[in-house]
Amino acid sequence: MPYYVYRVLPFAQLEKLAEFGAFVQASAHAKVLRAAEKAAPQGKVKVMFAENEQAAEDLLCQIRDPGPSGDD
């Protein structure tokens, strides 16, 4: 399965930036993009592992429950 790099904008707008076969390459590309936008970020750059683009976009749009806080 490939790794997708997306820019996530407000109101669940997604922009596919790249696709890679390995996490190392996808992560490095995402870090370069984040560093280039550090002064004025235009949404969040995220890496998603999924079967296809549609599955990646579906995962990015899901609302996640916050993790535990403190000593639970």
N, C-alpha and C. Protein backbone atom coordinates (compact mmCIF):
# COMPACT_ATOMS: atom_id res chain seq x y z
N MET A 1 0.85 -1.18 0.00
CA MET A 1 0.00 0.00 0.00
C MET A 1 0.89 1.24 0.00
N PRO A 2 0.45 2.27 -0.71
CA PRO A 2 1.26 3.49 -0.78
C PRO A 2 1.00 4.45 0.38
N TYR A 3 1.91 5.39 0.50
CA TYR A 3 1.81 6.48 1.47
C TYR A 3 1.47 7.74 0.68
N TYR A 4 0.47 8.47 1.15
CA TYR A 4 0.04 9.69 0.49
C TYR A 4 0.39 10.89 1.36
N VAL A 5 0.80 11.97 0.73
CA VAL A 5 1.08 13.22 1.43
C VAL A 5 -0.01 14.20 1.02
N TYR A 6 -0.74 14.72 2.01
CA TYR A 6 -1.85 15.64 1.76
C TYR A 6 -1.64 16.94 2.53
N ARG A 7 -2.22 17.99 1.99
CA ARG A 7 -2.37 19.24 2.73
C ARG A 7 -3.84 19.28 3.16
N VAL A 8 -4.07 19.42 4.46
CA VAL A 8 -5.42 19.46 5.00
C VAL A 8 -5.74 20.91 5.35
N LEU A 9 -6.74 21.45 4.68
CA LEU A 9 -7.16 22.83 4.87
C LEU A 9 -8.46 22.87 5.66
N PRO A 10 -8.87 24.04 6.14
CA PRO A 10 -10.13 24.14 6.88
C PRO A 10 -11.32 23.61 6.08
N PHE A 11 -12.33 23.16 6.79
CA PHE A 11 -13.57 22.64 6.21
C PHE A 11 -13.32 21.38 5.39
N ALA A 12 -12.37 20.55 5.84
CA ALA A 12 -12.06 19.25 5.24
C ALA A 12 -11.70 19.34 3.76
N GLN A 13 -11.04 20.40 3.37
CA GLN A 13 -10.54 20.50 2.01
C GLN A 13 -9.19 19.78 1.97
N LEU A 14 -9.04 18.86 1.04
CA LEU A 14 -7.83 18.06 0.94
C LEU A 14 -7.15 18.30 -0.40
N GLU A 15 -5.84 18.42 -0.34
CA GLU A 15 -5.04 18.61 -1.56
C GLU A 15 -3.93 17.55 -1.56
N LYS A 16 -4.00 16.63 -2.51
CA LYS A 16 -2.97 15.59 -2.60
C LYS A 16 -1.70 16.23 -3.15
N LEU A 17 -0.60 16.03 -2.42
CA LEU A 17 0.67 16.62 -2.81
C LEU A 17 1.62 15.60 -3.44
N ALA A 18 1.59 14.35 -2.96
CA ALA A 18 2.51 13.34 -3.48
C ALA A 18 2.07 11.95 -3.05
N GLU A 19 2.69 10.95 -3.66
CA GLU A 19 2.45 9.54 -3.34
C GLU A 19 3.78 8.81 -3.37
N PHE A 20 4.02 7.97 -2.35
CA PHE A 20 5.29 7.26 -2.23
C PHE A 20 5.04 5.81 -1.88
N GLY A 21 6.00 4.96 -2.21
CA GLY A 21 5.90 3.54 -1.89
C GLY A 21 6.47 3.19 -0.53
N ALA A 22 7.23 4.10 0.07
CA ALA A 22 7.86 3.84 1.37
C ALA A 22 7.64 5.02 2.31
N PHE A 23 7.51 4.71 3.60
CA PHE A 23 7.26 5.74 4.60
C PHE A 23 8.41 6.73 4.70
N VAL A 24 9.64 6.24 4.60
CA VAL A 24 10.81 7.12 4.76
C VAL A 24 10.76 8.27 3.76
N GLN A 25 10.45 7.96 2.52
CA GLN A 25 10.38 9.00 1.48
C GLN A 25 9.21 9.94 1.72
N ALA A 26 8.05 9.40 2.08
CA ALA A 26 6.87 10.22 2.33
C ALA A 26 7.10 11.16 3.52
N SER A 27 7.69 10.64 4.58
CA SER A 27 7.96 11.43 5.76
C SER A 27 8.96 12.55 5.46
N ALA A 28 10.01 12.23 4.73
CA ALA A 28 11.02 13.24 4.37
C ALA A 28 10.40 14.35 3.53
N HIS A 29 9.54 13.98 2.59
CA HIS A 29 8.89 14.97 1.73
C HIS A 29 7.97 15.88 2.57
N ALA A 30 7.22 15.28 3.48
CA ALA A 30 6.32 16.06 4.35
C ALA A 30 7.12 17.03 5.22
N LYS A 31 8.25 16.59 5.75
CA LYS A 31 9.08 17.45 6.60
C LYS A 31 9.64 18.63 5.81
N VAL A 32 10.03 18.39 4.56
CA VAL A 32 10.53 19.48 3.70
C VAL A 32 9.41 20.50 3.46
N LEU A 33 8.21 20.01 3.17
CA LEU A 33 7.08 20.92 2.92
C LEU A 33 6.74 21.73 4.18
N ARG A 34 6.74 21.08 5.33
CA ARG A 34 6.43 21.79 6.59
C ARG A 34 7.48 22.85 6.89
N ALA A 35 8.74 22.54 6.65
CA ALA A 35 9.82 23.50 6.91
C ALA A 35 9.72 24.69 5.97
N ALA A 36 9.34 24.46 4.72
CA ALA A 36 9.21 25.54 3.75
C ALA A 36 8.07 26.48 4.10
N GLU A 37 7.04 25.97 4.78
CA GLU A 37 5.87 26.79 5.12
C GLU A 37 5.88 27.25 6.58
N LYS A 38 6.95 27.07 7.28
CA LYS A 38 6.97 27.34 8.71
C LYS A 38 6.52 28.76 9.06
N ALA A 39 6.92 29.74 8.28
CA ALA A 39 6.57 31.13 8.57
C ALA A 39 5.08 31.40 8.36
N ALA A 40 4.50 30.83 7.32
CA ALA A 40 3.08 31.05 7.02
C ALA A 40 2.44 29.74 6.58
N PRO A 41 2.09 28.87 7.54
CA PRO A 41 1.52 27.58 7.16
C PRO A 41 0.18 27.72 6.44
N GLN A 42 -0.01 26.89 5.45
CA GLN A 42 -1.26 26.88 4.67
C GLN A 42 -1.96 25.56 4.92
N GLY A 43 -2.41 25.33 6.12
CA GLY A 43 -3.02 24.06 6.49
C GLY A 43 -1.97 23.12 7.04
N LYS A 44 -2.38 21.90 7.35
CA LYS A 44 -1.48 20.90 7.91
C LYS A 44 -1.05 19.94 6.81
N VAL A 45 0.22 19.55 6.82
CA VAL A 45 0.73 18.55 5.89
C VAL A 45 0.73 17.22 6.65
N LYS A 46 0.03 16.21 6.09
CA LYS A 46 -0.08 14.93 6.76
C LYS A 46 0.28 13.79 5.82
N VAL A 47 0.83 12.73 6.39
CA VAL A 47 1.15 11.50 5.66
C VAL A 47 0.10 10.47 6.04
N MET A 48 -0.48 9.81 5.04
CA MET A 48 -1.52 8.81 5.28
C MET A 48 -1.19 7.52 4.54
N PHE A 49 -1.29 6.39 5.24
CA PHE A 49 -1.06 5.07 4.68
C PHE A 49 -2.42 4.45 4.37
N ALA A 50 -2.69 4.15 3.09
CA ALA A 50 -4.00 3.61 2.72
C ALA A 50 -3.91 2.83 1.41
N GLU A 51 -4.95 2.05 1.14
CA GLU A 51 -4.99 1.25 -0.09
C GLU A 51 -5.03 2.11 -1.34
N ASN A 52 -5.78 3.23 -1.28
CA ASN A 52 -5.91 4.10 -2.44
C ASN A 52 -6.22 5.52 -1.97
N GLU A 53 -6.32 6.44 -2.94
CA GLU A 53 -6.56 7.85 -2.59
C GLU A 53 -7.87 8.04 -1.85
N GLN A 54 -8.91 7.34 -2.31
CA GLN A 54 -10.22 7.50 -1.69
C GLN A 54 -10.18 7.07 -0.21
N ALA A 55 -9.52 5.96 0.07
CA ALA A 55 -9.40 5.49 1.46
C ALA A 55 -8.58 6.47 2.29
N ALA A 56 -7.53 7.03 1.71
CA ALA A 56 -6.71 8.01 2.43
C ALA A 56 -7.52 9.25 2.78
N GLU A 57 -8.30 9.73 1.82
CA GLU A 57 -9.13 10.92 2.06
C GLU A 57 -10.21 10.64 3.10
N ASP A 58 -10.77 9.44 3.06
CA ASP A 58 -11.77 9.06 4.05
C ASP A 58 -11.16 9.07 5.46
N LEU A 59 -9.97 8.50 5.60
CA LEU A 59 -9.30 8.48 6.90
C LEU A 59 -8.96 9.89 7.40
N LEU A 60 -8.55 10.77 6.48
CA LEU A 60 -8.21 12.14 6.87
C LEU A 60 -9.44 12.93 7.33
N CYS A 61 -10.62 12.57 6.84
CA CYS A 61 -11.84 13.30 7.20
C CYS A 61 -12.52 12.77 8.47
N GLN A 62 -12.05 11.64 8.97
CA GLN A 62 -12.66 11.08 10.17
C GLN A 62 -12.26 11.89 11.40
N ILE A 63 -13.22 12.05 12.31
CA ILE A 63 -12.96 12.76 13.56
C ILE A 63 -12.40 11.75 14.55
N ARG A 64 -11.25 12.06 15.11
CA ARG A 64 -10.60 11.14 16.05
C ARG A 64 -10.87 11.57 17.48
N ASP A 65 -11.03 10.58 18.35
CA ASP A 65 -11.20 10.85 19.77
C ASP A 65 -9.85 11.26 20.36
N PRO A 66 -9.84 12.22 21.27
CA PRO A 66 -8.57 12.60 21.88
C PRO A 66 -8.02 11.46 22.73
N GLY A 67 -6.71 11.39 22.80
CA GLY A 67 -6.06 10.37 23.61
C GLY A 67 -6.21 10.66 25.09
N PRO A 68 -5.79 9.74 25.93
CA PRO A 68 -5.90 9.95 27.38
C PRO A 68 -5.00 11.10 27.83
N SER A 69 -5.46 11.81 28.83
CA SER A 69 -4.66 12.92 29.36
C SER A 69 -4.36 12.64 30.83
N GLY A 70 -3.15 12.90 31.19
CA GLY A 70 -2.77 12.72 32.59
C GLY A 70 -2.58 11.28 32.97
N ASP A 71 -2.84 10.95 34.23
CA ASP A 71 -2.62 9.60 34.76
C ASP A 71 -3.93 8.83 34.80
N ASP A 72 -4.40 8.41 33.64
CA ASP A 72 -5.64 7.62 33.59
C ASP A 72 -5.37 6.16 33.74
